[in-house]
């Protein structure tokens, strides 16, 4: 039966090949986006850890200098931690979006 089947039409073959290449390009782009988002999240986490360590050092210095300053420094450190958490959340959102793009590209 297969021997009697006509060969596929050249235009159909070209369309299928173009669709395959487009899907592969989409998957590649989605993987690159995921890699970039992951790198950004890791960089944000490194910066956050450095800032938190700096905030802790500052807090210790202020506690030594004046007994009333630690409360204000703790507030500043709390704000810094909140900002770091927000940056981490944004980076995690980017990773989630890139992961969804990879899944969508793979499903296409």
N, C-alpha and C. Protein backbone atom coordinates (compact mmCIF):
# COMPACT_ATOMS: atom_id res chain seq x y z
N UNK A 1 0.82 -1.20 0.00
CA UNK A 1 0.00 0.00 0.00
C UNK A 1 0.86 1.26 0.00
N UNK A 2 1.91 1.26 0.84
CA UNK A 2 2.77 2.44 0.92
C UNK A 2 3.46 2.72 -0.40
N UNK A 3 3.77 1.69 -1.14
CA UNK A 3 4.44 1.88 -2.42
C UNK A 3 3.50 2.54 -3.42
N UNK A 4 2.20 2.32 -3.28
CA UNK A 4 1.23 2.89 -4.22
C UNK A 4 0.88 4.34 -3.87
N UNK A 5 1.20 4.78 -2.66
CA UNK A 5 0.86 6.15 -2.24
C UNK A 5 1.70 7.15 -3.04
N UNK A 6 1.06 8.24 -3.46
CA UNK A 6 1.83 9.25 -4.21
C UNK A 6 2.82 9.95 -3.28
N UNK A 7 3.88 10.47 -3.84
CA UNK A 7 4.85 11.20 -3.00
C UNK A 7 4.20 12.48 -2.47
N UNK A 8 4.65 12.96 -1.33
CA UNK A 8 4.05 14.18 -0.78
C UNK A 8 4.32 15.37 -1.71
N UNK A 9 3.38 16.27 -1.69
CA UNK A 9 3.49 17.45 -2.54
C UNK A 9 4.65 18.32 -2.03
N UNK A 10 5.49 18.83 -2.92
CA UNK A 10 6.66 19.63 -2.49
C UNK A 10 6.27 20.85 -1.64
N UNK A 11 5.17 21.49 -1.96
CA UNK A 11 4.75 22.64 -1.15
C UNK A 11 4.37 22.22 0.26
N UNK A 12 3.71 21.08 0.38
CA UNK A 12 3.34 20.57 1.70
C UNK A 12 4.59 20.24 2.51
N UNK A 13 5.56 19.64 1.86
CA UNK A 13 6.82 19.31 2.53
C UNK A 13 7.50 20.60 3.00
N UNK A 14 7.52 21.61 2.15
CA UNK A 14 8.15 22.88 2.49
C UNK A 14 7.41 23.56 3.66
N UNK A 15 6.09 23.51 3.64
CA UNK A 15 5.31 24.12 4.72
C UNK A 15 5.57 23.41 6.04
N UNK A 16 5.59 22.09 6.00
CA UNK A 16 5.86 21.32 7.22
C UNK A 16 7.27 21.59 7.74
N UNK A 17 8.22 21.69 6.84
CA UNK A 17 9.60 21.96 7.25
C UNK A 17 9.72 23.37 7.84
N UNK A 18 9.05 24.34 7.25
CA UNK A 18 9.07 25.70 7.78
C UNK A 18 8.43 25.74 9.17
N UNK A 19 7.34 25.01 9.34
CA UNK A 19 6.68 24.96 10.65
C UNK A 19 7.59 24.30 11.69
N UNK A 20 8.29 23.26 11.29
CA UNK A 20 9.22 22.58 12.20
C UNK A 20 10.34 23.53 12.61
N UNK A 21 10.90 24.25 11.63
CA UNK A 21 11.98 25.20 11.93
C UNK A 21 11.48 26.32 12.85
N UNK A 22 10.26 26.79 12.60
CA UNK A 22 9.70 27.86 13.43
C UNK A 22 9.50 27.36 14.87
N UNK A 23 9.02 26.13 15.01
CA UNK A 23 8.82 25.56 16.35
C UNK A 23 10.15 25.41 17.06
N UNK A 24 11.17 24.95 16.35
CA UNK A 24 12.50 24.79 16.95
C UNK A 24 13.07 26.16 17.36
N UNK A 25 12.85 27.16 16.52
CA UNK A 25 13.32 28.51 16.85
C UNK A 25 12.59 29.03 18.08
N UNK A 26 11.29 28.77 18.17
CA UNK A 26 10.51 29.19 19.34
C UNK A 26 11.03 28.52 20.60
N UNK A 27 11.29 27.22 20.51
CA UNK A 27 11.81 26.49 21.67
C UNK A 27 13.17 27.04 22.07
N UNK A 28 14.03 27.31 21.09
CA UNK A 28 15.36 27.85 21.37
C UNK A 28 15.24 29.21 22.05
N UNK A 29 14.36 30.06 21.52
CA UNK A 29 14.17 31.39 22.11
C UNK A 29 13.63 31.29 23.53
N UNK A 30 12.71 30.37 23.74
CA UNK A 30 12.13 30.20 25.08
C UNK A 30 13.19 29.70 26.05
N UNK A 31 14.04 28.78 25.60
CA UNK A 31 15.12 28.30 26.46
C UNK A 31 16.09 29.43 26.80
N UNK A 32 16.41 30.25 25.81
CA UNK A 32 17.30 31.38 26.06
C UNK A 32 16.67 32.35 27.05
N UNK A 33 15.38 32.61 26.91
CA UNK A 33 14.67 33.50 27.83
C UNK A 33 14.70 32.92 29.25
N UNK A 34 14.51 31.62 29.35
CA UNK A 34 14.57 30.97 30.67
C UNK A 34 15.96 31.10 31.26
N UNK A 35 16.99 30.89 30.44
CA UNK A 35 18.36 31.03 30.92
C UNK A 35 18.63 32.46 31.40
N UNK A 36 18.19 33.44 30.61
CA UNK A 36 18.40 34.84 31.00
C UNK A 36 17.67 35.15 32.30
N UNK A 37 16.42 34.71 32.40
CA UNK A 37 15.65 34.98 33.62
C UNK A 37 16.29 34.30 34.83
N UNK A 38 16.80 33.09 34.63
CA UNK A 38 17.46 32.39 35.73
C UNK A 38 18.73 33.13 36.14
N UNK A 39 19.51 33.58 35.15
CA UNK A 39 20.72 34.34 35.45
C UNK A 39 20.38 35.63 36.18
N UNK A 40 19.31 36.30 35.76
CA UNK A 40 18.89 37.54 36.42
C UNK A 40 18.46 37.26 37.86
N UNK A 41 17.73 36.16 38.06
CA UNK A 41 17.29 35.83 39.41
C UNK A 41 18.50 35.53 40.30
N UNK A 42 19.46 34.76 39.77
CA UNK A 42 20.65 34.45 40.56
C UNK A 42 21.45 35.71 40.87
N UNK A 43 21.56 36.60 39.90
CA UNK A 43 22.27 37.86 40.14
C UNK A 43 21.53 38.68 41.19
N UNK A 44 20.21 38.72 41.10
CA UNK A 44 19.42 39.46 42.09
C UNK A 44 19.60 38.86 43.48
N UNK A 45 19.67 37.54 43.56
CA UNK A 45 19.87 36.89 44.86
C UNK A 45 21.25 37.21 45.41
N UNK A 46 22.27 37.22 44.53
CA UNK A 46 23.62 37.57 44.99
C UNK A 46 23.65 39.01 45.52
N UNK A 47 23.07 39.91 44.76
CA UNK A 47 23.03 41.31 45.18
C UNK A 47 22.27 41.43 46.50
N UNK A 48 21.16 40.73 46.59
CA UNK A 48 20.36 40.79 47.81
C UNK A 48 21.16 40.28 49.01
N UNK A 49 21.89 39.19 48.82
CA UNK A 49 22.71 38.64 49.91
C UNK A 49 23.81 39.62 50.30
N UNK A 50 24.43 40.24 49.30
CA UNK A 50 25.47 41.23 49.60
C UNK A 50 24.89 42.42 50.35
N UNK A 51 23.73 42.88 49.90
CA UNK A 51 23.10 44.03 50.56
C UNK A 51 22.67 43.68 51.98
N UNK A 52 22.17 42.47 52.15
CA UNK A 52 21.75 42.06 53.48
C UNK A 52 22.96 41.97 54.41
N UNK A 53 24.07 41.43 53.90
CA UNK A 53 25.28 41.37 54.71
C UNK A 53 25.77 42.78 55.05
N UNK A 54 25.72 43.67 54.08
CA UNK A 54 26.11 45.06 54.32
C UNK A 54 25.18 45.70 55.36
N UNK A 55 23.89 45.45 55.22
CA UNK A 55 22.93 46.01 56.18
C UNK A 55 23.22 45.47 57.59
N UNK A 56 23.57 44.19 57.66
CA UNK A 56 23.88 43.61 58.98
C UNK A 56 25.15 44.24 59.56
N UNK A 57 26.16 44.45 58.72
CA UNK A 57 27.38 45.11 59.20
C UNK A 57 27.08 46.52 59.67
N UNK A 58 26.28 47.23 58.89
CA UNK A 58 25.91 48.59 59.29
C UNK A 58 25.16 48.59 60.61
N UNK A 59 24.26 47.64 60.75
CA UNK A 59 23.49 47.54 61.99
C UNK A 59 24.42 47.33 63.18
N UNK A 60 25.38 46.46 63.04
CA UNK A 60 26.33 46.21 64.13
C UNK A 60 27.13 47.46 64.46
N UNK A 61 27.59 48.16 63.43
CA UNK A 61 28.36 49.39 63.65
C UNK A 61 27.52 50.42 64.40
N UNK A 62 26.28 50.55 63.99
CA UNK A 62 25.41 51.54 64.64
C UNK A 62 25.10 51.16 66.08
N UNK A 63 24.97 49.89 66.37
CA UNK A 63 24.70 49.45 67.73
C UNK A 63 25.86 49.80 68.65
N UNK A 64 27.07 49.71 68.11
CA UNK A 64 28.24 50.05 68.90
C UNK A 64 28.30 51.55 69.15
N UNK A 65 27.96 52.33 68.15
CA UNK A 65 28.08 53.79 68.25
C UNK A 65 27.06 54.37 69.23
N UNK A 66 25.81 53.96 69.14
CA UNK A 66 24.76 54.60 69.94
C UNK A 66 23.67 53.59 70.26
N UNK A 67 23.21 53.60 71.45
CA UNK A 67 22.19 52.63 71.86
C UNK A 67 20.83 52.91 71.23
N UNK A 68 20.56 54.14 70.79
CA UNK A 68 19.27 54.46 70.19
C UNK A 68 19.23 54.24 68.69
N UNK A 69 20.37 54.14 68.07
CA UNK A 69 20.42 54.02 66.61
C UNK A 69 19.96 52.64 66.12
N UNK A 70 20.16 51.57 66.87
CA UNK A 70 19.78 50.25 66.34
C UNK A 70 18.32 50.12 65.90
N UNK A 71 17.42 50.79 66.58
CA UNK A 71 16.01 50.69 66.18
C UNK A 71 15.82 51.27 64.78
N UNK A 72 16.42 52.40 64.51
CA UNK A 72 16.32 53.01 63.18
C UNK A 72 17.03 52.13 62.15
N UNK A 73 18.16 51.56 62.52
CA UNK A 73 18.89 50.68 61.59
C UNK A 73 18.08 49.41 61.31
N UNK A 74 17.41 48.90 62.32
CA UNK A 74 16.58 47.71 62.11
C UNK A 74 15.45 48.01 61.13
N UNK A 75 14.87 49.21 61.26
CA UNK A 75 13.84 49.60 60.30
C UNK A 75 14.41 49.65 58.89
N UNK A 76 15.59 50.25 58.76
CA UNK A 76 16.24 50.33 57.44
C UNK A 76 16.56 48.94 56.92
N UNK A 77 17.06 48.06 57.78
CA UNK A 77 17.36 46.70 57.36
C UNK A 77 16.08 45.97 56.96
N UNK A 78 14.99 46.24 57.69
CA UNK A 78 13.71 45.63 57.35
C UNK A 78 13.22 46.09 55.99
N UNK A 79 13.38 47.38 55.71
CA UNK A 79 13.00 47.90 54.39
C UNK A 79 13.87 47.27 53.31
N UNK A 80 15.15 47.15 53.59
CA UNK A 80 16.07 46.55 52.61
C UNK A 80 15.68 45.09 52.34
N UNK A 81 15.37 44.35 53.39
CA UNK A 81 14.95 42.95 53.20
C UNK A 81 13.64 42.87 52.41
N UNK A 82 12.73 43.81 52.67
CA UNK A 82 11.47 43.83 51.92
C UNK A 82 11.75 44.11 50.44
N UNK A 83 12.63 45.06 50.16
CA UNK A 83 12.99 45.36 48.77
C UNK A 83 13.65 44.15 48.11
N UNK A 84 14.51 43.47 48.86
CA UNK A 84 15.16 42.26 48.33
C UNK A 84 14.12 41.19 48.02
N UNK A 85 13.18 41.03 48.91
CA UNK A 85 12.11 40.04 48.68
C UNK A 85 11.31 40.40 47.43
N UNK A 86 11.05 41.69 47.23
CA UNK A 86 10.34 42.12 46.03
C UNK A 86 11.15 41.83 44.78
N UNK A 87 12.46 42.09 44.84
CA UNK A 87 13.32 41.80 43.68
C UNK A 87 13.34 40.29 43.39
N UNK A 88 13.43 39.50 44.44
CA UNK A 88 13.42 38.04 44.26
C UNK A 88 12.09 37.60 43.65
N UNK A 89 11.00 38.17 44.12
CA UNK A 89 9.68 37.81 43.60
C UNK A 89 9.57 38.16 42.12
N UNK A 90 10.10 39.33 41.74
CA UNK A 90 10.08 39.70 40.31
C UNK A 90 10.93 38.74 39.49
N UNK A 91 12.10 38.38 40.00
CA UNK A 91 12.97 37.43 39.28
C UNK A 91 12.29 36.07 39.17
N UNK A 92 11.66 35.62 40.25
CA UNK A 92 10.94 34.34 40.21
C UNK A 92 9.80 34.39 39.19
N UNK A 93 9.12 35.53 39.10
CA UNK A 93 8.03 35.69 38.13
C UNK A 93 8.58 35.57 36.71
N UNK A 94 9.75 36.19 36.47
CA UNK A 94 10.36 36.10 35.14
C UNK A 94 10.72 34.65 34.81
N UNK A 95 11.23 33.93 35.78
CA UNK A 95 11.56 32.52 35.56
C UNK A 95 10.30 31.73 35.27
N UNK A 96 9.23 32.01 36.01
CA UNK A 96 7.96 31.30 35.79
C UNK A 96 7.43 31.57 34.38
N UNK A 97 7.50 32.83 33.97
CA UNK A 97 7.03 33.18 32.63
C UNK A 97 7.87 32.51 31.55
N UNK A 98 9.18 32.48 31.75
CA UNK A 98 10.05 31.84 30.77
C UNK A 98 9.80 30.33 30.75
N UNK A 99 9.56 29.73 31.90
CA UNK A 99 9.26 28.30 31.99
C UNK A 99 7.97 28.00 31.25
N UNK A 100 6.97 28.87 31.44
CA UNK A 100 5.70 28.68 30.74
C UNK A 100 5.90 28.81 29.23
N UNK A 101 6.76 29.73 28.82
CA UNK A 101 7.04 29.90 27.39
C UNK A 101 7.70 28.65 26.82
N UNK A 102 8.63 28.06 27.59
CA UNK A 102 9.29 26.83 27.14
C UNK A 102 8.26 25.72 27.01
N UNK A 103 7.39 25.60 28.00
CA UNK A 103 6.37 24.56 27.96
C UNK A 103 5.42 24.77 26.77
N UNK A 104 5.05 26.03 26.53
CA UNK A 104 4.16 26.33 25.41
C UNK A 104 4.83 26.02 24.08
N UNK A 105 6.11 26.37 23.98
CA UNK A 105 6.85 26.10 22.75
C UNK A 105 6.99 24.60 22.53
N UNK A 106 7.24 23.88 23.60
CA UNK A 106 7.39 22.43 23.49
C UNK A 106 6.06 21.77 23.10
N UNK A 107 4.97 22.35 23.56
CA UNK A 107 3.65 21.78 23.26
C UNK A 107 3.19 22.13 21.85
N UNK A 108 3.79 23.18 21.27
CA UNK A 108 3.36 23.61 19.94
C UNK A 108 3.80 22.63 18.87
